[in-house]
Protein backbone atom coordinates (compact mmCIF):
# COMPACT_ATOMS: atom_id res chain seq x y z
CA MET A 1 0.00 0.00 0.00
CA ILE A 2 2.81 2.44 0.83
CA SER A 3 4.70 1.65 -2.39
CA ARG A 4 1.52 2.28 -4.38
CA PHE A 5 1.10 5.65 -2.59
CA ILE A 6 4.70 6.64 -3.37
CA LYS A 7 4.35 5.72 -7.07
CA ASP A 8 1.02 7.57 -7.44
CA GLU A 9 1.62 10.74 -9.46
CA GLN A 10 -1.98 11.85 -9.74
CA GLY A 11 -2.30 15.57 -9.04
CA GLN A 12 1.40 16.21 -9.47
CA ASP A 13 0.86 18.33 -12.61
CA ILE A 14 -1.55 20.65 -10.81
CA VAL A 15 0.98 21.31 -8.06
CA GLU A 16 3.75 21.99 -10.59
CA TYR A 17 1.61 24.39 -12.62
CA SER A 18 0.49 26.15 -9.45
CA LEU A 19 4.07 26.65 -8.32
CA LEU A 20 5.00 27.93 -11.76
CA LEU A 21 2.13 30.44 -11.71
CA VAL A 22 3.11 31.64 -8.25
CA LEU A 23 6.71 32.11 -9.39
CA ILE A 24 5.64 34.07 -12.48
CA GLY A 25 3.30 36.22 -10.39
CA ALA A 26 6.02 36.97 -7.84
CA ALA A 27 8.45 37.91 -10.62
CA ALA A 28 5.87 40.21 -12.21
CA VAL A 29 5.20 41.96 -8.90
CA PHE A 30 8.93 42.37 -8.29
CA VAL A 31 9.56 43.82 -11.77
CA LEU A 32 6.60 46.19 -11.64
CA THR A 33 7.57 47.37 -8.18
CA ALA A 34 11.15 47.96 -9.26
CA MET A 35 10.08 49.83 -12.39
CA GLY A 36 7.25 51.76 -10.73
CA GLN A 37 9.22 54.95 -10.17
CA SER A 38 10.62 54.91 -13.70
CA ILE A 39 7.19 54.41 -15.24
CA SER A 40 5.77 57.19 -13.07
CA GLN A 41 8.46 59.59 -14.30
CA ILE A 42 7.74 58.71 -17.93
CA PHE A 43 4.01 59.42 -17.51
CA SER A 44 4.81 62.64 -15.70
CA LYS A 45 6.98 63.84 -18.62
CA ILE A 46 4.24 62.92 -21.10
CA ASN A 47 1.71 64.86 -19.02
CA VAL A 48 3.92 67.96 -18.94
CA ARG A 49 4.48 67.88 -22.69
CA LEU A 50 0.80 67.33 -23.46
CA THR A 51 -0.14 70.21 -21.15
CA SER A 52 2.36 72.55 -22.80
CA ALA A 53 1.20 71.49 -26.28
CA ASN A 54 -2.41 72.13 -25.27
CA SER A 55 -1.47 75.57 -23.92
CA ALA A 56 0.35 76.40 -27.17
CA ILE A 57 -2.71 75.52 -29.25
CA SER A 58 -5.15 77.52 -27.10
């Protein structure tokens, strides 16, 4: 009975895919957190340029 339990691989794929998804999610959170300030600065520059272009047209 114990040897049959050890050889049973049912459900192993689900665990592996779950671990892979958790790893990908953690990596995405880490990258987005690290790049957050940089992305914020880019959007800030775009906002300033769009505001100045709108003022020039008006």
